[in-house]
């Protein structure tokens, strides 16, 4: 799961607040994961802890990993853009979903 930068900052704020109240790092991460999810998510707990460690070490949010190597995407290719536009223009409004596309 990827969080937006605002959500990452909110998670870090919650983590820091719980840590300052005396909770251990893992316990604080678990409580935040429970707040964000109905069920307990071990994966998200680990991601919170990793985010907190990265922020503590580098004083910044981790870089985004989306967009592939060098932020190259197929949608940056003009031929792909033209083909996608032609396909979508031939569809009726509401007939295509992101999954179908």
PDB file of N, CA and C in Angstrom:
ATOM      1  N   UNK A   1       0.837  -1.175   0.000  1.00  0.00           N
ATOM      2  CA  UNK A   1       0.000   0.000   0.000  1.00  0.00           C
ATOM      3  C   UNK A   1       0.884   1.240   0.000  1.00  0.00           C
ATOM      4  N   UNK A   2       0.522   2.184  -0.791  1.00  0.00           N
ATOM      5  CA  UNK A   2       1.264   3.423  -0.794  1.00  0.00           C
ATOM      6  C   UNK A   2       0.398   4.522  -0.216  1.00  0.00           C
ATOM      7  N   UNK A   3       0.998   5.322   0.599  1.00  0.00           N
ATOM      8  CA  UNK A   3       0.294   6.427   1.219  1.00  0.00           C
ATOM      9  C   UNK A   3       0.703   7.720   0.545  1.00  0.00           C
ATOM     10  N   UNK A   4      -0.211   8.668   0.481  1.00  0.00           N
ATOM     11  CA  UNK A   4       0.142   9.979  -0.029  1.00  0.00           C
ATOM     12  C   UNK A   4       1.057  10.657   0.990  1.00  0.00           C
ATOM     13  N   UNK A   5       1.706  11.716   0.577  1.00  0.00           N
ATOM     14  CA  UNK A   5       2.614  12.409   1.478  1.00  0.00           C
ATOM     15  C   UNK A   5       1.882  12.967   2.691  1.00  0.00           C
ATOM     16  N   UNK A   6       0.670  13.446   2.491  1.00  0.00           N
ATOM     17  CA  UNK A   6      -0.100  13.981   3.624  1.00  0.00           C
ATOM     18  C   UNK A   6      -0.422  12.855   4.608  1.00  0.00           C
ATOM     19  N   UNK A   7      -0.830  11.696   4.088  1.00  0.00           N
ATOM     20  CA  UNK A   7      -1.113  10.565   4.970  1.00  0.00           C
ATOM     21  C   UNK A   7       0.150  10.096   5.691  1.00  0.00           C
ATOM     22  N   UNK A   8       1.291  10.103   4.991  1.00  0.00           N
ATOM     23  CA  UNK A   8       2.544   9.722   5.637  1.00  0.00           C
ATOM     24  C   UNK A   8       2.861  10.672   6.786  1.00  0.00           C
ATOM     25  N   UNK A   9       2.649  11.966   6.567  1.00  0.00           N
ATOM     26  CA  UNK A   9       2.906  12.939   7.633  1.00  0.00           C
ATOM     27  C   UNK A   9       1.940  12.758   8.798  1.00  0.00           C
ATOM     28  N   UNK A  10       0.689  12.432   8.494  1.00  0.00           N
ATOM     29  CA  UNK A  10      -0.276  12.175   9.558  1.00  0.00           C
ATOM     30  C   UNK A  10       0.133  10.949  10.378  1.00  0.00           C
ATOM     31  N   UNK A  11       0.576   9.897   9.703  1.00  0.00           N
ATOM     32  CA  UNK A  11       1.027   8.681  10.390  1.00  0.00           C
ATOM     33  C   UNK A  11       2.238   9.002  11.261  1.00  0.00           C
ATOM     34  N   UNK A  12       3.192   9.770  10.720  1.00  0.00           N
ATOM     35  CA  UNK A  12       4.367  10.145  11.502  1.00  0.00           C
ATOM     36  C   UNK A  12       3.990  10.983  12.724  1.00  0.00           C
ATOM     37  N   UNK A  13       3.032  11.881  12.550  1.00  0.00           N
ATOM     38  CA  UNK A  13       2.582  12.701  13.682  1.00  0.00           C
ATOM     39  C   UNK A  13       1.968  11.826  14.771  1.00  0.00           C
ATOM     40  N   UNK A  14       1.106  10.897  14.356  1.00  0.00           N
ATOM     41  CA  UNK A  14       0.495   9.979  15.325  1.00  0.00           C
ATOM     42  C   UNK A  14       1.545   9.115  16.004  1.00  0.00           C
ATOM     43  N   UNK A  15       2.510   8.632  15.218  1.00  0.00           N
ATOM     44  CA  UNK A  15       3.578   7.793  15.768  1.00  0.00           C
ATOM     45  C   UNK A  15       4.382   8.566  16.803  1.00  0.00           C
ATOM     46  N   UNK A  16       4.768   9.797  16.469  1.00  0.00           N
ATOM     47  CA  UNK A  16       5.561  10.614  17.387  1.00  0.00           C
ATOM     48  C   UNK A  16       4.783  10.919  18.658  1.00  0.00           C
ATOM     49  N   UNK A  17       3.487  11.198  18.518  1.00  0.00           N
ATOM     50  CA  UNK A  17       2.659  11.484  19.695  1.00  0.00           C
ATOM     51  C   UNK A  17       2.607  10.275  20.629  1.00  0.00           C
ATOM     52  N   UNK A  18       2.371   9.096  20.069  1.00  0.00           N
ATOM     53  CA  UNK A  18       2.306   7.886  20.898  1.00  0.00           C
ATOM     54  C   UNK A  18       3.667   7.558  21.505  1.00  0.00           C
ATOM     55  N   UNK A  19       4.732   7.783  20.747  1.00  0.00           N
ATOM     56  CA  UNK A  19       6.080   7.501  21.245  1.00  0.00           C
ATOM     57  C   UNK A  19       6.424   8.440  22.406  1.00  0.00           C
ATOM     58  N   UNK A  20       6.034   9.706  22.295  1.00  0.00           N
ATOM     59  CA  UNK A  20       6.295  10.667  23.369  1.00  0.00           C
ATOM     60  C   UNK A  20       5.465  10.370  24.618  1.00  0.00           C
ATOM     61  N   UNK A  21       4.332   9.693  24.427  1.00  0.00           N
ATOM     62  CA  UNK A  21       3.520   9.296  25.572  1.00  0.00           C
ATOM     63  C   UNK A  21       4.084   8.077  26.277  1.00  0.00           C
ATOM     64  N   UNK A  22       5.175   7.502  25.734  1.00  0.00           N
ATOM     65  CA  UNK A  22       5.839   6.400  26.403  1.00  0.00           C
ATOM     66  C   UNK A  22       5.646   5.034  25.783  1.00  0.00           C
ATOM     67  N   UNK A  23       4.928   4.952  24.669  1.00  0.00           N
ATOM     68  CA  UNK A  23       4.737   3.658  24.030  1.00  0.00           C
ATOM     69  C   UNK A  23       5.998   3.264  23.267  1.00  0.00           C
ATOM     70  N   UNK A  24       6.276   1.981  23.231  1.00  0.00           N
ATOM     71  CA  UNK A  24       7.403   1.466  22.454  1.00  0.00           C
ATOM     72  C   UNK A  24       7.060   1.596  20.970  1.00  0.00           C
ATOM     73  N   UNK A  25       8.086   1.554  20.132  1.00  0.00           N
ATOM     74  CA  UNK A  25       7.907   1.776  18.684  1.00  0.00           C
ATOM     75  C   UNK A  25       6.929   0.790  18.057  1.00  0.00           C
ATOM     76  N   UNK A  26       7.086  -0.485  18.349  1.00  0.00           N
ATOM     77  CA  UNK A  26       6.224  -1.499  17.736  1.00  0.00           C
ATOM     78  C   UNK A  26       4.783  -1.346  18.218  1.00  0.00           C
ATOM     79  N   UNK A  27       4.604  -1.087  19.496  1.00  0.00           N
ATOM     80  CA  UNK A  27       3.253  -0.915  20.039  1.00  0.00           C
ATOM     81  C   UNK A  27       2.580   0.309  19.416  1.00  0.00           C
ATOM     82  N   UNK A  28       3.334   1.393  19.262  1.00  0.00           N
ATOM     83  CA  UNK A  28       2.786   2.595  18.631  1.00  0.00           C
ATOM     84  C   UNK A  28       2.395   2.301  17.184  1.00  0.00           C
ATOM     85  N   UNK A  29       3.252   1.575  16.463  1.00  0.00           N
ATOM     86  CA  UNK A  29       2.952   1.214  15.073  1.00  0.00           C
ATOM     87  C   UNK A  29       1.706   0.346  14.990  1.00  0.00           C
ATOM     88  N   UNK A  30       1.565  -0.600  15.916  1.00  0.00           N
ATOM     89  CA  UNK A  30       0.393  -1.477  15.924  1.00  0.00           C
ATOM     90  C   UNK A  30      -0.887  -0.682  16.167  1.00  0.00           C
ATOM     91  N   UNK A  31      -0.833   0.264  17.085  1.00  0.00           N
ATOM     92  CA  UNK A  31      -2.029   1.057  17.375  1.00  0.00           C
ATOM     93  C   UNK A  31      -2.441   1.908  16.181  1.00  0.00           C
ATOM     94  N   UNK A  32      -1.462   2.471  15.483  1.00  0.00           N
ATOM     95  CA  UNK A  32      -1.782   3.270  14.299  1.00  0.00           C
ATOM     96  C   UNK A  32      -2.366   2.386  13.204  1.00  0.00           C
ATOM     97  N   UNK A  33      -1.787   1.208  13.011  1.00  0.00           N
ATOM     98  CA  UNK A  33      -2.307   0.279  11.998  1.00  0.00           C
ATOM     99  C   UNK A  33      -3.750  -0.108  12.313  1.00  0.00           C
ATOM    100  N   UNK A  34      -4.059  -0.313  13.583  1.00  0.00           N
ATOM    101  CA  UNK A  34      -5.430  -0.657  13.974  1.00  0.00           C
ATOM    102  C   UNK A  34      -6.385   0.505  13.713  1.00  0.00           C
ATOM    103  N   UNK A  35      -5.901   1.747  13.861  1.00  0.00           N
ATOM    104  CA  UNK A  35      -6.745   2.912  13.597  1.00  0.00           C
ATOM    105  C   UNK A  35      -7.054   3.055  12.109  1.00  0.00           C
ATOM    106  N   UNK A  36      -6.105   2.691  11.257  1.00  0.00           N
ATOM    107  CA  UNK A  36      -6.262   2.880   9.817  1.00  0.00           C
ATOM    108  C   UNK A  36      -6.995   1.715   9.173  1.00  0.00           C
ATOM    109  N   UNK A  37      -6.992   0.558   9.806  1.00  0.00           N
ATOM    110  CA  UNK A  37      -7.625  -0.633   9.235  1.00  0.00           C
ATOM    111  C   UNK A  37      -8.580  -1.243  10.238  1.00  0.00           C
ATOM    112  N   UNK A  38      -9.625  -1.861   9.718  1.00  0.00           N
ATOM    113  CA  UNK A  38     -10.577  -2.566  10.575  1.00  0.00           C
ATOM    114  C   UNK A  38      -9.876  -3.723  11.279  1.00  0.00           C
ATOM    115  N   UNK A  39      -9.189  -4.542  10.498  1.00  0.00           N
ATOM    116  CA  UNK A  39      -8.442  -5.662  11.053  1.00  0.00           C
ATOM    117  C   UNK A  39      -6.994  -5.270  11.268  1.00  0.00           C
ATOM    118  N   UNK A  40      -6.302  -6.047  12.051  1.00  0.00           N
ATOM    119  CA  UNK A  40      -4.899  -5.766  12.334  1.00  0.00           C
ATOM    120  C   UNK A  40      -4.048  -6.142  11.124  1.00  0.00           C
ATOM    121  N   UNK A  41      -3.180  -5.249  10.694  1.00  0.00           N
ATOM    122  CA  UNK A  41      -2.333  -5.494   9.533  1.00  0.00           C
ATOM    123  C   UNK A  41      -0.868  -5.470   9.952  1.00  0.00           C
ATOM    124  N   UNK A  42      -0.232  -6.632   9.954  1.00  0.00           N
ATOM    125  CA  UNK A  42       1.185  -6.719  10.314  1.00  0.00           C
ATOM    126  C   UNK A  42       2.034  -6.000   9.273  1.00  0.00           C
ATOM    127  N   UNK A  43       1.659  -6.135   8.005  1.00  0.00           N
ATOM    128  CA  UNK A  43       2.405  -5.476   6.938  1.00  0.00           C
ATOM    129  C   UNK A  43       2.403  -3.965   7.144  1.00  0.00           C
ATOM    130  N   UNK A  44       1.241  -3.396   7.409  1.00  0.00           N
ATOM    131  CA  UNK A  44       1.148  -1.950   7.592  1.00  0.00           C
ATOM    132  C   UNK A  44       1.888  -1.516   8.851  1.00  0.00           C
ATOM    133  N   UNK A  45       1.862  -2.338   9.887  1.00  0.00           N
ATOM    134  CA  UNK A  45       2.617  -2.042  11.105  1.00  0.00           C
ATOM    135  C   UNK A  45       4.100  -1.911  10.780  1.00  0.00           C
ATOM    136  N   UNK A  46       4.619  -2.834   9.986  1.00  0.00           N
ATOM    137  CA  UNK A  46       6.037  -2.791   9.596  1.00  0.00           C
ATOM    138  C   UNK A  46       6.326  -1.577   8.721  1.00  0.00           C
ATOM    139  N   UNK A  47       5.385  -1.214   7.841  1.00  0.00           N
ATOM    140  CA  UNK A  47       5.574  -0.050   6.986  1.00  0.00           C
ATOM    141  C   UNK A  47       5.628   1.235   7.805  1.00  0.00           C
ATOM    142  N   UNK A  48       4.818   1.326   8.844  1.00  0.00           N
ATOM    143  CA  UNK A  48       4.826   2.500   9.714  1.00  0.00           C
ATOM    144  C   UNK A  48       6.166   2.614  10.416  1.00  0.00           C
ATOM    145  N   UNK A  49       6.642   1.496  10.936  1.00  0.00           N
ATOM    146  CA  UNK A  49       7.933   1.494  11.628  1.00  0.00           C
ATOM    147  C   UNK A  49       9.062   1.876  10.677  1.00  0.00           C
ATOM    148  N   UNK A  50       9.010   1.346   9.454  1.00  0.00           N
ATOM    149  CA  UNK A  50      10.026   1.676   8.451  1.00  0.00           C
ATOM    150  C   UNK A  50       9.978   3.158   8.083  1.00  0.00           C
ATOM    151  N   UNK A  51       8.771   3.701   7.940  1.00  0.00           N
ATOM    152  CA  UNK A  51       8.609   5.119   7.640  1.00  0.00           C
ATOM    153  C   UNK A  51       9.184   5.980   8.762  1.00  0.00           C
ATOM    154  N   UNK A  52       8.906   5.611   9.997  1.00  0.00           N
ATOM    155  CA  UNK A  52       9.414   6.367  11.145  1.00  0.00           C
ATOM    156  C   UNK A  52      10.937   6.315  11.205  1.00  0.00           C
ATOM    157  N   UNK A  53      11.517   5.147  10.961  1.00  0.00           N
ATOM    158  CA  UNK A  53      12.980   5.022  10.976  1.00  0.00           C
ATOM    159  C   UNK A  53      13.611   5.855   9.870  1.00  0.00           C
ATOM    160  N   UNK A  54      13.008   5.822   8.682  1.00  0.00           N
ATOM    161  CA  UNK A  54      13.541   6.600   7.560  1.00  0.00           C
ATOM    162  C   UNK A  54      13.480   8.093   7.869  1.00  0.00           C
ATOM    163  N   UNK A  55      12.352   8.533   8.410  1.00  0.00           N
ATOM    164  CA  UNK A  55      12.197   9.954   8.716  1.00  0.00           C
ATOM    165  C   UNK A  55      13.166  10.389   9.811  1.00  0.00           C
ATOM    166  N   UNK A  56      13.365   9.539  10.797  1.00  0.00           N
ATOM    167  CA  UNK A  56      14.281   9.862  11.880  1.00  0.00           C
ATOM    168  C   UNK A  56      15.722   9.965  11.359  1.00  0.00           C
ATOM    169  N   UNK A  57      16.064   9.107  10.437  1.00  0.00           N
ATOM    170  CA  UNK A  57      17.435   9.080   9.932  1.00  0.00           C
ATOM    171  C   UNK A  57      17.721  10.198   8.925  1.00  0.00           C
ATOM    172  N   UNK A  58      16.796  10.411   7.973  1.00  0.00           N
ATOM    173  CA  UNK A  58      17.051  11.339   6.877  1.00  0.00           C
ATOM    174  C   UNK A  58      16.312  12.669   6.989  1.00  0.00           C
ATOM    175  N   UNK A  59      15.424  12.807   7.960  1.00  0.00           N
ATOM    176  CA  UNK A  59      14.643  14.027   8.176  1.00  0.00           C
ATOM    177  C   UNK A  59      13.802  14.414   6.960  1.00  0.00           C
ATOM    178  N   UNK A  60      13.359  13.408   6.219  1.00  0.00           N
ATOM    179  CA  UNK A  60      12.477  13.636   5.081  1.00  0.00           C
ATOM    180  C   UNK A  60      11.716  12.360   4.778  1.00  0.00           C
ATOM    181  N   UNK A  61      10.639  12.504   4.019  1.00  0.00           N
ATOM    182  CA  UNK A  61       9.863  11.336   3.611  1.00  0.00           C
ATOM    183  C   UNK A  61      10.650  10.537   2.578  1.00  0.00           C
ATOM    184  N   UNK A  62      10.413   9.237   2.498  1.00  0.00           N
ATOM    185  CA  UNK A  62      11.118   8.442   1.492  1.00  0.00           C
ATOM    186  C   UNK A  62      10.690   8.850   0.085  1.00  0.00           C
ATOM    187  N   UNK A  63      11.578   8.651  -0.901  1.00  0.00           N
ATOM    188  CA  UNK A  63      11.209   9.015  -2.277  1.00  0.00           C
ATOM    189  C   UNK A  63      10.105   8.110  -2.802  1.00  0.00           C
ATOM    190  N   UNK A  64       9.320   8.639  -3.713  1.00  0.00           N
ATOM    191  CA  UNK A  64       8.244   7.857  -4.323  1.00  0.00           C
ATOM    192  C   UNK A  64       8.843   6.774  -5.194  1.00  0.00           C
ATOM    193  N   UNK A  65       8.199   5.625  -5.220  1.00  0.00           N
ATOM    194  CA  UNK A  65       8.667   4.504  -6.025  1.00  0.00           C
ATOM    195  C   UNK A  65       7.778   4.281  -7.236  1.00  0.00           C
ATOM    196  N   UNK A  66       6.833   5.166  -7.460  1.00  0.00           N
ATOM    197  CA  UNK A  66       5.913   5.017  -8.571  1.00  0.00           C
ATOM    198  C   UNK A  66       6.527   5.603  -9.836  1.00  0.00           C
ATOM    199  N   UNK A  67       6.129   5.088 -10.959  1.00  0.00           N
ATOM    200  CA  UNK A  67       6.576   5.638 -12.225  1.00  0.00           C
ATOM    201  C   UNK A  67       7.732   4.894 -12.850  1.00  0.00           C
ATOM    202  N   UNK A  68       8.187   3.843 -12.222  1.00  0.00           N
ATOM    203  CA  UNK A  68       9.251   3.043 -12.798  1.00  0.00           C
ATOM    204  C   UNK A  68      10.602   3.721 -12.723  1.00  0.00           C
ATOM    205  N   UNK A  69      11.558   3.130 -13.384  1.00  0.00           N
ATOM    206  CA  UNK A  69      12.933   3.624 -13.359  1.00  0.00           C
ATOM    207  C   UNK A  69      13.002   4.989 -14.039  1.00  0.00           C
ATOM    208  N   UNK A  70      13.492   5.978 -13.300  1.00  0.00           N
ATOM    209  CA  UNK A  70      13.603   7.315 -13.863  1.00  0.00           C
ATOM    210  C   UNK A  70      12.256   7.944 -14.170  1.00  0.00           C
ATOM    211  N   UNK A  71      11.221   7.479 -13.494  1.00  0.00           N
ATOM    212  CA  UNK A  71       9.853   7.972 -13.699  1.00  0.00           C
ATOM    213  C   UNK A  71       9.422   7.800 -15.146  1.00  0.00           C
ATOM    214  N   UNK A  72       9.858   6.732 -15.785  1.00  0.00           N
ATOM    215  CA  UNK A  72       9.443   6.432 -17.147  1.00  0.00           C
ATOM    216  C   UNK A  72       8.136   5.655 -17.092  1.00  0.00           C
ATOM    217  N   UNK A  73       7.222   6.064 -17.893  1.00  0.00           N
ATOM    218  CA  UNK A  73       5.923   5.419 -17.947  1.00  0.00           C
ATOM    219  C   UNK A  73       5.523   5.262 -19.409  1.00  0.00           C
ATOM    220  N   UNK A  74       4.742   4.245 -19.676  1.00  0.00           N
ATOM    221  CA  UNK A  74       4.239   4.074 -21.036  1.00  0.00           C
ATOM    222  C   UNK A  74       3.398   5.268 -21.466  1.00  0.00           C
ATOM    223  N   UNK A  75       2.767   5.931 -20.532  1.00  0.00           N
ATOM    224  CA  UNK A  75       1.914   7.067 -20.871  1.00  0.00           C
ATOM    225  C   UNK A  75       2.725   8.302 -21.238  1.00  0.00           C
ATOM    226  N   UNK A  76       4.043   8.270 -21.090  1.00  0.00           N
ATOM    227  CA  UNK A  76       4.883   9.358 -21.568  1.00  0.00           C
ATOM    228  C   UNK A  76       5.175   9.221 -23.059  1.00  0.00           C
ATOM    229  N   UNK A  77       4.878   8.062 -23.624  1.00  0.00           N
ATOM    230  CA  UNK A  77       5.091   7.798 -25.044  1.00  0.00           C
ATOM    231  C   UNK A  77       3.924   8.388 -25.835  1.00  0.00           C
ATOM    232  N   UNK A  78       4.232   9.267 -26.797  1.00  0.00           N
ATOM    233  CA  UNK A  78       3.187   9.958 -27.575  1.00  0.00           C
ATOM    234  C   UNK A  78       2.318   8.977 -28.368  1.00  0.00           C
ATOM    235  N   UNK A  79       2.915   7.897 -28.882  1.00  0.00           N
ATOM    236  CA  UNK A  79       2.136   6.916 -29.646  1.00  0.00           C
ATOM    237  C   UNK A  79       1.131   6.210 -28.746  1.00  0.00           C
ATOM    238  N   UNK A  80       1.523   5.905 -27.518  1.00  0.00           N
ATOM    239  CA  UNK A  80       0.616   5.268 -26.564  1.00  0.00           C
ATOM    240  C   UNK A  80      -0.492   6.240 -26.182  1.00  0.00           C
ATOM    241  N   UNK A  81      -0.152   7.497 -26.008  1.00  0.00           N
ATOM    242  CA  UNK A  81      -1.160   8.502 -25.687  1.00  0.00           C
ATOM    243  C   UNK A  81      -2.193   8.618 -26.798  1.00  0.00           C
ATOM    244  N   UNK A  82      -1.725   8.643 -28.051  1.00  0.00           N
ATOM    245  CA  UNK A  82      -2.651   8.733 -29.189  1.00  0.00           C
ATOM    246  C   UNK A  82      -3.557   7.502 -29.264  1.00  0.00           C
ATOM    247  N   UNK A  83      -2.957   6.318 -29.063  1.00  0.00           N
ATOM    248  CA  UNK A  83      -3.753   5.084 -29.126  1.00  0.00           C
ATOM    249  C   UNK A  83      -4.789   5.040 -28.009  1.00  0.00           C
ATOM    250  N   UNK A  84      -4.400   5.452 -26.808  1.00  0.00           N
ATOM    251  CA  UNK A  84      -5.331   5.457 -25.676  1.00  0.00           C
ATOM    252  C   UNK A  84      -6.452   6.455 -25.911  1.00  0.00           C
ATOM    253  N   UNK A  85      -6.093   7.632 -26.430  1.00  0.00           N
ATOM    254  CA  UNK A  85      -7.103   8.650 -26.701  1.00  0.00           C
ATOM    255  C   UNK A  85      -8.088   8.159 -27.766  1.00  0.00           C
ATOM    256  N   UNK A  86      -7.576   7.532 -28.824  1.00  0.00           N
ATOM    257  CA  UNK A  86      -8.452   7.014 -29.883  1.00  0.00           C
ATOM    258  C   UNK A  86      -9.382   5.934 -29.332  1.00  0.00           C
ATOM    259  N   UNK A  87      -8.850   5.059 -28.493  1.00  0.00           N
ATOM    260  CA  UNK A  87      -9.672   4.000 -27.903  1.00  0.00           C
ATOM    261  C   UNK A  87     -10.777   4.592 -27.039  1.00  0.00           C
ATOM    262  N   UNK A  88     -10.422   5.548 -26.197  1.00  0.00           N
ATOM    263  CA  UNK A  88     -11.396   6.125 -25.279  1.00  0.00           C
ATOM    264  C   UNK A  88     -12.436   6.977 -26.010  1.00  0.00           C
ATOM    265  N   UNK A  89     -12.024   7.634 -27.081  1.00  0.00           N
ATOM    266  CA  UNK A  89     -12.974   8.448 -27.838  1.00  0.00           C
ATOM    267  C   UNK A  89     -14.033   7.569 -28.510  1.00  0.00           C
ATOM    268  N   UNK A  90     -13.701   6.319 -28.809  1.00  0.00           N
ATOM    269  CA  UNK A  90     -14.653   5.402 -29.429  1.00  0.00           C
ATOM    270  C   UNK A  90     -15.604   4.754 -28.444  1.00  0.00           C
ATOM    271  N   UNK A  91     -15.377   4.942 -27.163  1.00  0.00           N
ATOM    272  CA  UNK A  91     -16.224   4.337 -26.131  1.00  0.00           C
ATOM    273  C   UNK A  91     -17.350   5.294 -25.741  1.00  0.00           C
ATOM    274  N   UNK A  92     -18.456   4.733 -25.287  1.00  0.00           N
ATOM    275  CA  UNK A  92     -19.539   5.542 -24.741  1.00  0.00           C
ATOM    276  C   UNK A  92     -19.184   5.939 -23.318  1.00  0.00           C
ATOM    277  N   UNK A  93     -19.684   7.083 -22.897  1.00  0.00           N
ATOM    278  CA  UNK A  93     -19.412   7.570 -21.551  1.00  0.00           C
ATOM    279  C   UNK A  93     -19.968   6.579 -20.539  1.00  0.00           C
ATOM    280  N   UNK A  94     -19.141   6.174 -19.597  1.00  0.00           N
ATOM    281  CA  UNK A  94     -19.545   5.254 -18.544  1.00  0.00           C
ATOM    282  C   UNK A  94     -19.344   3.789 -18.886  1.00  0.00           C
ATOM    283  N   UNK A  95     -18.941   3.482 -20.125  1.00  0.00           N
ATOM    284  CA  UNK A  95     -18.743   2.087 -20.522  1.00  0.00           C
ATOM    285  C   UNK A  95     -17.391   1.529 -20.111  1.00  0.00           C
ATOM    286  N   UNK A  96     -16.415   2.376 -19.917  1.00  0.00           N
ATOM    287  CA  UNK A  96     -15.060   1.900 -19.608  1.00  0.00           C
ATOM    288  C   UNK A  96     -14.726   2.232 -18.156  1.00  0.00           C
ATOM    289  N   UNK A  97     -14.084   1.291 -17.517  1.00  0.00           N
ATOM    290  CA  UNK A  97     -13.604   1.495 -16.158  1.00  0.00           C
ATOM    291  C   UNK A  97     -12.082   1.458 -16.193  1.00  0.00           C
ATOM    292  N   UNK A  98     -11.400   1.946 -15.173  1.00  0.00           N
ATOM    293  CA  UNK A  98      -9.941   1.880 -15.148  1.00  0.00           C
ATOM    294  C   UNK A  98      -9.432   0.447 -15.289  1.00  0.00           C
ATOM    295  N   UNK A  99     -10.136  -0.513 -14.717  1.00  0.00           N
ATOM    296  CA  UNK A  99      -9.702  -1.906 -14.817  1.00  0.00           C
ATOM    297  C   UNK A  99      -9.808  -2.420 -16.245  1.00  0.00           C
ATOM    298  N   UNK A 100     -10.873  -2.047 -16.951  1.00  0.00           N
ATOM    299  CA  UNK A 100     -11.045  -2.451 -18.342  1.00  0.00           C
ATOM    300  C   UNK A 100     -10.032  -1.760 -19.243  1.00  0.00           C
ATOM    301  N   UNK A 101      -9.729  -0.497 -18.951  1.00  0.00           N
ATOM    302  CA  UNK A 101      -8.812   0.277 -19.752  1.00  0.00           C
ATOM    303  C   UNK A 101      -7.434  -0.337 -19.669  1.00  0.00           C
TER     304      UNK A 101
END
